[in-house]
Amino acid sequence: MTTTGTASPALQLDHIRKEFGGVVAVQDFSLDVRPGEIVALVGDNGAGKSTIVKIVSGVYRPTAGSIELRGEPVNFADASDARSHGIEVVYQDLALADMQTVYMNMFLGRELVTGVLRRLDKKKMAAQTQQLVDELDVRIPSAHATIRELSGGQRQGVAIARATHWATSLVLMDEPTAALGVAETNRVEQLMMQLRERGRAILLVSHNLDQVFRVADRIAVLRRGVQVGIRETAQTTHNEIVSMITGLQQADGS
């Protein structure tokens, strides 16, 4: 397997297999993602990408194989367990509370409290949220804005900022720009690259190969649950990746 840099992997998947009854959804999948790296996971519908996403995010347990975070083996009981280990997911549907403010979404389920009565510390949450969105240049009216008032790109920016705030191991992005226009997609891609510059490890699932080639350092290809190969983005082409995805031309694994 090709790796980039000298840092220990933030995420390492070794020989992952997932079965549902008699159906093998993923067989013998291995991948590492290092801090300050974006690795794209690509493949047609039914290739096994969603299964890998759910394994990494704690929704599914692998039938076989192992997962390590920063060199330590983990075995997630559920999605909240994965979050407690520093894995944050940015979904296409965002998982934001539309009627709540930006800062309440930032701390959803992790609210800061103060005093003996443990009242919500709204001032501190709003200040921390505003600082983060300013640092990432997420262009929203303010941390006090309600999510329903924001555009699709602004909402995705909030979701990415939230992941940045809480992720200590990995940011997993599942089709983060699928519902966005060109300008908003460009802004979200800039945010991804800012996260990489901050040393975050990012696993990106995307059907958009143009996007993959713009932002990813490496590309892992799945076809019908089988790992076809991993390529350095700078050393491959659209045609090679498409042929690996479709199987119309045999490509060696890496």
C-alpha atoms as a PDB file:
ATOM      1  CA  MET A   1       0.000   0.000   0.000  1.00  0.00           C
ATOM      2  CA  THR A   2       1.296   3.433  -0.898  1.00  0.00           C
ATOM      3  CA  THR A   3       1.597   5.896   1.966  1.00  0.00           C
ATOM      4  CA  THR A   4       2.486   9.537   2.106  1.00  0.00           C
ATOM      5  CA  GLY A   5       4.740  11.269   4.630  1.00  0.00           C
ATOM      6  CA  THR A   6       6.361   9.940   7.765  1.00  0.00           C
ATOM      7  CA  ALA A   7       3.655  10.471  10.404  1.00  0.00           C
ATOM      8  CA  SER A   8       1.859   7.491  11.880  1.00  0.00           C
ATOM      9  CA  PRO A   9      -1.538   6.907  10.289  1.00  0.00           C
ATOM     10  CA  ALA A  10      -4.477   8.656  11.912  1.00  0.00           C
ATOM     11  CA  LEU A  11      -6.608   5.778  10.599  1.00  0.00           C
ATOM     12  CA  GLN A  12      -5.506   2.319   9.541  1.00  0.00           C
ATOM     13  CA  LEU A  13      -7.854  -0.341   8.175  1.00  0.00           C
ATOM     14  CA  ASP A  14      -6.330  -3.797   7.795  1.00  0.00           C
ATOM     15  CA  HIS A  15      -7.995  -6.613   5.834  1.00  0.00           C
ATOM     16  CA  ILE A  16     -11.537  -5.394   6.547  1.00  0.00           C
ATOM     17  CA  ARG A  17     -14.324  -7.765   5.568  1.00  0.00           C
ATOM     18  CA  LYS A  18     -18.049  -7.228   6.010  1.00  0.00           C
ATOM     19  CA  GLU A  19     -20.727  -9.832   5.440  1.00  0.00           C
ATOM     20  CA  PHE A  20     -24.498  -9.494   5.669  1.00  0.00           C
ATOM     21  CA  GLY A  21     -25.756 -13.032   5.979  1.00  0.00           C
ATOM     22  CA  GLY A  22     -24.425 -14.791   2.916  1.00  0.00           C
ATOM     23  CA  VAL A  23     -23.624 -11.564   1.070  1.00  0.00           C
ATOM     24  CA  VAL A  24     -20.075 -10.200   1.135  1.00  0.00           C
ATOM     25  CA  ALA A  25     -20.314  -6.400   0.929  1.00  0.00           C
ATOM     26  CA  VAL A  26     -16.581  -5.735   1.366  1.00  0.00           C
ATOM     27  CA  GLN A  27     -13.723  -8.190   1.232  1.00  0.00           C
ATOM     28  CA  ASP A  28     -10.112  -7.679   2.303  1.00  0.00           C
ATOM     29  CA  PHE A  29      -9.984  -3.867   2.294  1.00  0.00           C
ATOM     30  CA  SER A  30      -6.873  -2.135   3.656  1.00  0.00           C
ATOM     31  CA  LEU A  31      -6.179   1.596   3.783  1.00  0.00           C
ATOM     32  CA  ASP A  32      -4.360   4.167   5.858  1.00  0.00           C
ATOM     33  CA  VAL A  33      -5.018   7.898   6.131  1.00  0.00           C
ATOM     34  CA  ARG A  34      -2.313  10.093   7.608  1.00  0.00           C
ATOM     35  CA  PRO A  35      -2.533  13.485   9.324  1.00  0.00           C
ATOM     36  CA  GLY A  36      -2.534  16.284   6.760  1.00  0.00           C
ATOM     37  CA  GLU A  37      -3.746  14.001   3.989  1.00  0.00           C
ATOM     38  CA  ILE A  38      -6.941  13.672   1.963  1.00  0.00           C
ATOM     39  CA  VAL A  39      -7.646  10.164   0.695  1.00  0.00           C
ATOM     40  CA  ALA A  40     -10.604   9.703  -1.669  1.00  0.00           C
ATOM     41  CA  LEU A  41     -12.668   6.519  -1.749  1.00  0.00           C
ATOM     42  CA  VAL A  42     -14.336   6.020  -5.124  1.00  0.00           C
ATOM     43  CA  GLY A  43     -16.443   3.402  -6.892  1.00  0.00           C
ATOM     44  CA  ASP A  44     -19.835   2.895  -8.496  1.00  0.00           C
ATOM     45  CA  ASN A  45     -23.045   2.434  -6.518  1.00  0.00           C
ATOM     46  CA  GLY A  46     -22.871  -0.881  -4.710  1.00  0.00           C
ATOM     47  CA  ALA A  47     -19.076  -0.900  -4.700  1.00  0.00           C
ATOM     48  CA  GLY A  48     -18.910  -0.956  -0.889  1.00  0.00           C
ATOM     49  CA  LYS A  49     -18.123   2.694  -0.143  1.00  0.00           C
ATOM     50  CA  SER A  50     -21.121   3.174   2.142  1.00  0.00           C
ATOM     51  CA  THR A  51     -20.220   0.021   4.032  1.00  0.00           C
ATOM     52  CA  ILE A  52     -16.680   1.302   4.629  1.00  0.00           C
ATOM     53  CA  VAL A  53     -18.086   4.667   5.770  1.00  0.00           C
ATOM     54  CA  LYS A  54     -20.381   2.937   8.258  1.00  0.00           C
ATOM     55  CA  ILE A  55     -17.578   0.726   9.558  1.00  0.00           C
ATOM     56  CA  VAL A  56     -15.245   3.686  10.087  1.00  0.00           C
ATOM     57  CA  SER A  57     -18.010   5.741  11.729  1.00  0.00           C
ATOM     58  CA  GLY A  58     -19.036   2.928  14.075  1.00  0.00           C
ATOM     59  CA  VAL A  59     -22.426   2.111  12.556  1.00  0.00           C
ATOM     60  CA  TYR A  60     -21.277  -1.375  11.452  1.00  0.00           C
ATOM     61  CA  ARG A  61     -18.758  -3.700  12.998  1.00  0.00           C
ATOM     62  CA  PRO A  62     -16.487  -5.466  10.530  1.00  0.00           C
ATOM     63  CA  THR A  63     -16.908  -9.221  10.162  1.00  0.00           C
ATOM     64  CA  ALA A  64     -13.129  -9.539  10.067  1.00  0.00           C
ATOM     65  CA  GLY A  65     -10.104  -7.267  10.040  1.00  0.00           C
ATOM     66  CA  SER A  66      -8.898  -4.526  12.358  1.00  0.00           C
ATOM     67  CA  ILE A  67      -9.076  -0.757  12.818  1.00  0.00           C
ATOM     68  CA  GLU A  68      -6.389   1.400  14.410  1.00  0.00           C
ATOM     69  CA  LEU A  69      -6.526   5.070  15.325  1.00  0.00           C
ATOM     70  CA  ARG A  70      -3.159   6.744  15.816  1.00  0.00           C
ATOM     71  CA  GLY A  71      -1.574   3.332  16.265  1.00  0.00           C
ATOM     72  CA  GLU A  72      -4.071   2.052  18.842  1.00  0.00           C
ATOM     73  CA  PRO A  73      -6.530  -0.747  18.024  1.00  0.00           C
ATOM     74  CA  VAL A  74     -10.199   0.170  18.383  1.00  0.00           C
ATOM     75  CA  ASN A  75     -13.461  -1.739  18.229  1.00  0.00           C
ATOM     76  CA  PHE A  76     -16.394   0.662  18.086  1.00  0.00           C
ATOM     77  CA  ALA A  77     -19.610  -0.324  19.840  1.00  0.00           C
ATOM     78  CA  ASP A  78     -21.626   2.286  17.937  1.00  0.00           C
ATOM     79  CA  ALA A  79     -21.421   5.677  16.228  1.00  0.00           C
ATOM     80  CA  SER A  80     -21.182   7.592  19.505  1.00  0.00           C
ATOM     81  CA  ASP A  81     -18.207   5.430  20.432  1.00  0.00           C
ATOM     82  CA  ALA A  82     -16.498   6.389  17.157  1.00  0.00           C
ATOM     83  CA  ARG A  83     -17.180  10.062  17.890  1.00  0.00           C
ATOM     84  CA  SER A  84     -15.682   9.687  21.343  1.00  0.00           C
ATOM     85  CA  HIS A  85     -12.510   8.454  19.613  1.00  0.00           C
ATOM     86  CA  GLY A  86     -12.303  11.649  17.545  1.00  0.00           C
ATOM     87  CA  ILE A  87     -14.018  10.602  14.303  1.00  0.00           C
ATOM     88  CA  GLU A  88     -16.422  13.161  12.858  1.00  0.00           C
ATOM     89  CA  VAL A  89     -18.605  12.678   9.792  1.00  0.00           C
ATOM     90  CA  VAL A  90     -19.819  15.346   7.349  1.00  0.00           C
ATOM     91  CA  TYR A  91     -22.804  13.920   5.473  1.00  0.00           C
ATOM     92  CA  GLN A  92     -24.511  15.129   2.324  1.00  0.00           C
ATOM     93  CA  ASP A  93     -27.671  15.738   4.396  1.00  0.00           C
ATOM     94  CA  LEU A  94     -25.554  17.591   7.003  1.00  0.00           C
ATOM     95  CA  ALA A  95     -27.324  16.323  10.154  1.00  0.00           C
ATOM     96  CA  LEU A  96     -27.888  19.884  11.363  1.00  0.00           C
ATOM     97  CA  ALA A  97     -30.805  21.128  13.467  1.00  0.00           C
ATOM     98  CA  ASP A  98     -32.505  23.707  11.226  1.00  0.00           C
ATOM     99  CA  MET A  99     -34.306  25.568  14.000  1.00  0.00           C
ATOM    100  CA  GLN A 100     -31.203  25.962  16.168  1.00  0.00           C
ATOM    101  CA  THR A 101     -28.450  28.565  15.970  1.00  0.00           C
ATOM    102  CA  VAL A 102     -25.059  27.890  14.439  1.00  0.00           C
ATOM    103  CA  TYR A 103     -23.385  27.789  17.850  1.00  0.00           C
ATOM    104  CA  MET A 104     -25.941  25.354  19.274  1.00  0.00           C
ATOM    105  CA  ASN A 105     -25.336  23.076  16.277  1.00  0.00           C
ATOM    106  CA  MET A 106     -21.600  23.326  16.863  1.00  0.00           C
ATOM    107  CA  PHE A 107     -22.039  21.975  20.382  1.00  0.00           C
ATOM    108  CA  LEU A 108     -25.037  19.708  19.734  1.00  0.00           C
ATOM    109  CA  GLY A 109     -24.859  16.876  22.275  1.00  0.00           C
ATOM    110  CA  ARG A 110     -21.724  18.432  23.806  1.00  0.00           C
ATOM    111  CA  GLU A 111     -23.163  21.615  25.235  1.00  0.00           C
ATOM    112  CA  LEU A 112     -21.030  23.711  27.586  1.00  0.00           C
ATOM    113  CA  VAL A 113     -22.584  24.468  30.977  1.00  0.00           C
ATOM    114  CA  THR A 114     -21.718  26.837  33.783  1.00  0.00           C
ATOM    115  CA  GLY A 115     -22.492  27.355  37.448  1.00  0.00           C
ATOM    116  CA  VAL A 116     -23.970  25.148  40.122  1.00  0.00           C
ATOM    117  CA  LEU A 117     -27.244  24.911  38.217  1.00  0.00           C
ATOM    118  CA  ARG A 118     -25.323  23.871  35.096  1.00  0.00           C
ATOM    119  CA  ARG A 119     -27.027  26.343  32.810  1.00  0.00           C
ATOM    120  CA  LEU A 120     -26.037  26.389  29.146  1.00  0.00           C
ATOM    121  CA  ASP A 121     -23.031  28.635  28.652  1.00  0.00           C
ATOM    122  CA  LYS A 122     -24.372  30.202  25.467  1.00  0.00           C
ATOM    123  CA  LYS A 123     -21.907  33.095  25.546  1.00  0.00           C
ATOM    124  CA  LYS A 124     -18.875  30.800  25.591  1.00  0.00           C
ATOM    125  CA  MET A 125     -20.288  28.460  22.937  1.00  0.00           C
ATOM    126  CA  ALA A 126     -21.093  31.402  20.665  1.00  0.00           C
ATOM    127  CA  ALA A 127     -17.634  32.941  21.152  1.00  0.00           C
ATOM    128  CA  GLN A 128     -15.823  29.670  20.400  1.00  0.00           C
ATOM    129  CA  THR A 129     -18.017  29.069  17.355  1.00  0.00           C
ATOM    130  CA  GLN A 130     -17.443  32.573  16.004  1.00  0.00           C
ATOM    131  CA  GLN A 131     -13.682  32.203  16.448  1.00  0.00           C
ATOM    132  CA  LEU A 132     -13.640  28.916  14.539  1.00  0.00           C
ATOM    133  CA  VAL A 133     -15.813  30.066  11.624  1.00  0.00           C
ATOM    134  CA  ASP A 134     -13.669  33.200  11.356  1.00  0.00           C
ATOM    135  CA  GLU A 135     -10.469  31.124  11.299  1.00  0.00           C
ATOM    136  CA  LEU A 136     -11.879  28.873   8.578  1.00  0.00           C
ATOM    137  CA  ASP A 137     -13.447  31.819   6.745  1.00  0.00           C
ATOM    138  CA  VAL A 138     -16.888  30.190   6.816  1.00  0.00           C
ATOM    139  CA  ARG A 139     -18.938  33.091   5.517  1.00  0.00           C
ATOM    140  CA  ILE A 140     -22.044  33.188   7.672  1.00  0.00           C
ATOM    141  CA  PRO A 141     -23.814  36.235   9.180  1.00  0.00           C
ATOM    142  CA  SER A 142     -22.806  35.250  12.734  1.00  0.00           C
ATOM    143  CA  ALA A 143     -22.659  32.342  15.174  1.00  0.00           C
ATOM    144  CA  HIS A 144     -26.113  33.437  16.346  1.00  0.00           C
ATOM    145  CA  ALA A 145     -27.712  32.884  12.918  1.00  0.00           C
ATOM    146  CA  THR A 146     -30.287  30.116  12.646  1.00  0.00           C
ATOM    147  CA  ILE A 147     -29.344  27.221  10.377  1.00  0.00           C
ATOM    148  CA  ARG A 148     -32.544  27.566   8.321  1.00  0.00           C
ATOM    149  CA  GLU A 149     -31.434  31.089   7.337  1.00  0.00           C
ATOM    150  CA  LEU A 150     -28.235  29.837   5.670  1.00  0.00           C
ATOM    151  CA  SER A 151     -27.538  28.708   2.108  1.00  0.00           C
ATOM    152  CA  GLY A 152     -26.541  25.144   1.302  1.00  0.00           C
ATOM    153  CA  GLY A 153     -22.879  26.063   1.096  1.00  0.00           C
ATOM    154  CA  GLN A 154     -22.995  27.971   4.377  1.00  0.00           C
ATOM    155  CA  ARG A 155     -24.662  25.005   6.077  1.00  0.00           C
ATOM    156  CA  GLN A 156     -22.011  22.665   4.753  1.00  0.00           C
ATOM    157  CA  GLY A 157     -19.382  25.101   6.012  1.00  0.00           C
ATOM    158  CA  VAL A 158     -20.918  24.910   9.481  1.00  0.00           C
ATOM    159  CA  ALA A 159     -20.944  21.107   9.344  1.00  0.00           C
ATOM    160  CA  ILE A 160     -17.260  21.099   8.343  1.00  0.00           C
ATOM    161  CA  ALA A 161     -16.391  23.608  11.066  1.00  0.00           C
ATOM    162  CA  ARG A 162     -18.132  21.386  13.617  1.00  0.00           C
ATOM    163  CA  ALA A 163     -16.166  18.369  12.416  1.00  0.00           C
ATOM    164  CA  THR A 164     -12.955  20.395  12.600  1.00  0.00           C
ATOM    165  CA  HIS A 165     -13.710  21.416  16.185  1.00  0.00           C
ATOM    166  CA  TRP A 166     -14.310  17.900  17.472  1.00  0.00           C
ATOM    167  CA  ALA A 167     -12.251  15.594  15.239  1.00  0.00           C
ATOM    168  CA  THR A 168      -8.976  14.511  16.822  1.00  0.00           C
ATOM    169  CA  SER A 169      -8.481  11.435  14.629  1.00  0.00           C
ATOM    170  CA  LEU A 170     -10.338  11.713  11.329  1.00  0.00           C
ATOM    171  CA  VAL A 171     -12.841  13.770   9.347  1.00  0.00           C
ATOM    172  CA  LEU A 172     -14.957  11.509   7.149  1.00  0.00           C
ATOM    173  CA  MET A 173     -16.726  13.347   4.327  1.00  0.00           C
ATOM    174  CA  ASP A 174     -19.521  11.450   2.589  1.00  0.00           C
ATOM    175  CA  GLU A 175     -20.476  13.202  -0.684  1.00  0.00           C
ATOM    176  CA  PRO A 176     -20.187  16.620   1.017  1.00  0.00           C
ATOM    177  CA  THR A 177     -20.895  18.683  -2.119  1.00  0.00           C
ATOM    178  CA  ALA A 178     -23.384  16.474  -3.974  1.00  0.00           C
ATOM    179  CA  ALA A 179     -26.265  18.916  -3.451  1.00  0.00           C
ATOM    180  CA  LEU A 180     -24.289  22.136  -3.983  1.00  0.00           C
ATOM    181  CA  GLY A 181     -23.746  24.416  -6.967  1.00  0.00           C
ATOM    182  CA  VAL A 182     -20.376  25.183  -8.537  1.00  0.00           C
ATOM    183  CA  ALA A 183     -19.490  28.224  -6.397  1.00  0.00           C
ATOM    184  CA  GLU A 184     -20.506  26.577  -3.129  1.00  0.00           C
ATOM    185  CA  THR A 185     -18.694  23.372  -4.093  1.00  0.00           C
ATOM    186  CA  ASN A 186     -15.537  25.398  -4.685  1.00  0.00           C
ATOM    187  CA  ARG A 187     -15.843  26.987  -1.245  1.00  0.00           C
ATOM    188  CA  VAL A 188     -16.301  23.630   0.460  1.00  0.00           C
ATOM    189  CA  GLU A 189     -13.272  22.248  -1.384  1.00  0.00           C
ATOM    190  CA  GLN A 190     -11.246  25.206  -0.094  1.00  0.00           C
ATOM    191  CA  LEU A 191     -12.363  24.288   3.428  1.00  0.00           C
ATOM    192  CA  MET A 192     -11.221  20.691   2.883  1.00  0.00           C
ATOM    193  CA  MET A 193      -7.785  21.909   1.886  1.00  0.00           C
ATOM    194  CA  GLN A 194      -7.661  24.216   4.906  1.00  0.00           C
ATOM    195  CA  LEU A 195      -8.357  21.215   7.125  1.00  0.00           C
ATOM    196  CA  ARG A 196      -5.510  19.351   5.445  1.00  0.00           C
ATOM    197  CA  GLU A 197      -3.209  22.303   6.130  1.00  0.00           C
ATOM    198  CA  ARG A 198      -4.285  22.130   9.786  1.00  0.00           C
ATOM    199  CA  GLY A 199      -3.067  18.541   9.892  1.00  0.00           C
ATOM    200  CA  ARG A 200      -6.445  16.826   9.811  1.00  0.00           C
ATOM    201  CA  ALA A 201      -6.735  13.380   8.244  1.00  0.00           C
ATOM    202  CA  ILE A 202      -9.635  13.299   5.787  1.00  0.00           C
ATOM    203  CA  LEU A 203     -11.361  10.355   4.108  1.00  0.00           C
ATOM    204  CA  LEU A 204     -13.489  11.687   1.253  1.00  0.00           C
ATOM    205  CA  VAL A 205     -16.206   9.667  -0.477  1.00  0.00           C
ATOM    206  CA  SER A 206     -17.175  11.286  -3.771  1.00  0.00           C
ATOM    207  CA  HIS A 207     -18.640  10.393  -7.160  1.00  0.00           C
ATOM    208  CA  ASN A 208     -17.146  13.597  -8.559  1.00  0.00           C
ATOM    209  CA  LEU A 209     -13.800  12.577 -10.067  1.00  0.00           C
ATOM    210  CA  ASP A 210     -12.966  16.165 -11.002  1.00  0.00           C
ATOM    211  CA  GLN A 211     -13.288  17.032  -7.341  1.00  0.00           C
ATOM    212  CA  VAL A 212     -11.253  14.011  -6.311  1.00  0.00           C
ATOM    213  CA  PHE A 213      -8.398  15.044  -8.586  1.00  0.00           C
ATOM    214  CA  ARG A 214      -8.548  18.624  -7.285  1.00  0.00           C
ATOM    215  CA  VAL A 215      -8.318  17.838  -3.578  1.00  0.00           C
ATOM    216  CA  ALA A 216      -7.165  14.266  -2.890  1.00  0.00           C
ATOM    217  CA  ASP A 217      -3.585  13.125  -2.318  1.00  0.00           C
ATOM    218  CA  ARG A 218      -4.443   9.484  -2.967  1.00  0.00           C
ATOM    219  CA  ILE A 219      -7.382   7.598  -4.455  1.00  0.00           C
ATOM    220  CA  ALA A 220      -8.632   4.195  -3.282  1.00  0.00           C
ATOM    221  CA  VAL A 221     -10.898   2.318  -5.690  1.00  0.00           C
ATOM    222  CA  LEU A 222     -13.581  -0.224  -4.806  1.00  0.00           C
ATOM    223  CA  ARG A 223     -15.488  -2.385  -7.298  1.00  0.00           C
ATOM    224  CA  ARG A 224     -18.229  -4.768  -6.157  1.00  0.00           C
ATOM    225  CA  GLY A 225     -16.773  -4.956  -2.677  1.00  0.00           C
ATOM    226  CA  VAL A 226     -13.256  -5.645  -3.913  1.00  0.00           C
ATOM    227  CA  GLN A 227     -10.342  -3.266  -3.430  1.00  0.00           C
ATOM    228  CA  VAL A 228      -8.984  -2.699  -6.925  1.00  0.00           C
ATOM    229  CA  GLY A 229      -6.073  -0.473  -5.994  1.00  0.00           C
ATOM    230  CA  ILE A 230      -4.746   2.753  -4.518  1.00  0.00           C
ATOM    231  CA  ARG A 231      -3.139   5.446  -6.621  1.00  0.00           C
ATOM    232  CA  GLU A 232      -1.209   8.618  -5.915  1.00  0.00           C
ATOM    233  CA  THR A 233      -3.354  11.324  -7.484  1.00  0.00           C
ATOM    234  CA  ALA A 234      -0.371  13.034  -9.088  1.00  0.00           C
ATOM    235  CA  GLN A 235       0.701   9.774 -10.720  1.00  0.00           C
ATOM    236  CA  THR A 236      -2.596   8.616 -12.226  1.00  0.00           C
ATOM    237  CA  THR A 237      -5.218   9.849 -14.689  1.00  0.00           C
ATOM    238  CA  HIS A 238      -8.985  10.110 -14.926  1.00  0.00           C
ATOM    239  CA  ASN A 239      -8.942   7.337 -17.513  1.00  0.00           C
ATOM    240  CA  GLU A 240      -7.051   4.950 -15.260  1.00  0.00           C
ATOM    241  CA  ILE A 241      -9.362   5.587 -12.314  1.00  0.00           C
ATOM    242  CA  VAL A 242     -12.468   5.179 -14.489  1.00  0.00           C
ATOM    243  CA  SER A 243     -11.125   1.897 -15.852  1.00  0.00           C
ATOM    244  CA  MET A 244     -10.467   0.699 -12.305  1.00  0.00           C
ATOM    245  CA  ILE A 245     -13.990   1.663 -11.238  1.00  0.00           C
ATOM    246  CA  THR A 246     -15.714   0.031 -14.213  1.00  0.00           C
ATOM    247  CA  GLY A 247     -13.421  -2.950 -14.753  1.00  0.00           C
ATOM    248  CA  LEU A 248     -13.392  -2.318 -18.478  1.00  0.00           C
ATOM    249  CA  GLN A 249      -9.615  -2.361 -18.426  1.00  0.00           C
ATOM    250  CA  GLN A 250      -7.606  -4.479 -16.006  1.00  0.00           C
ATOM    251  CA  ALA A 251      -5.639  -2.430 -13.491  1.00  0.00           C
ATOM    252  CA  ASP A 252      -3.143  -3.888 -11.050  1.00  0.00           C
ATOM    253  CA  GLY A 253      -3.746  -3.363  -7.355  1.00  0.00           C
ATOM    254  CA  SER A 254      -1.233  -1.446  -5.286  1.00  0.00           C
END
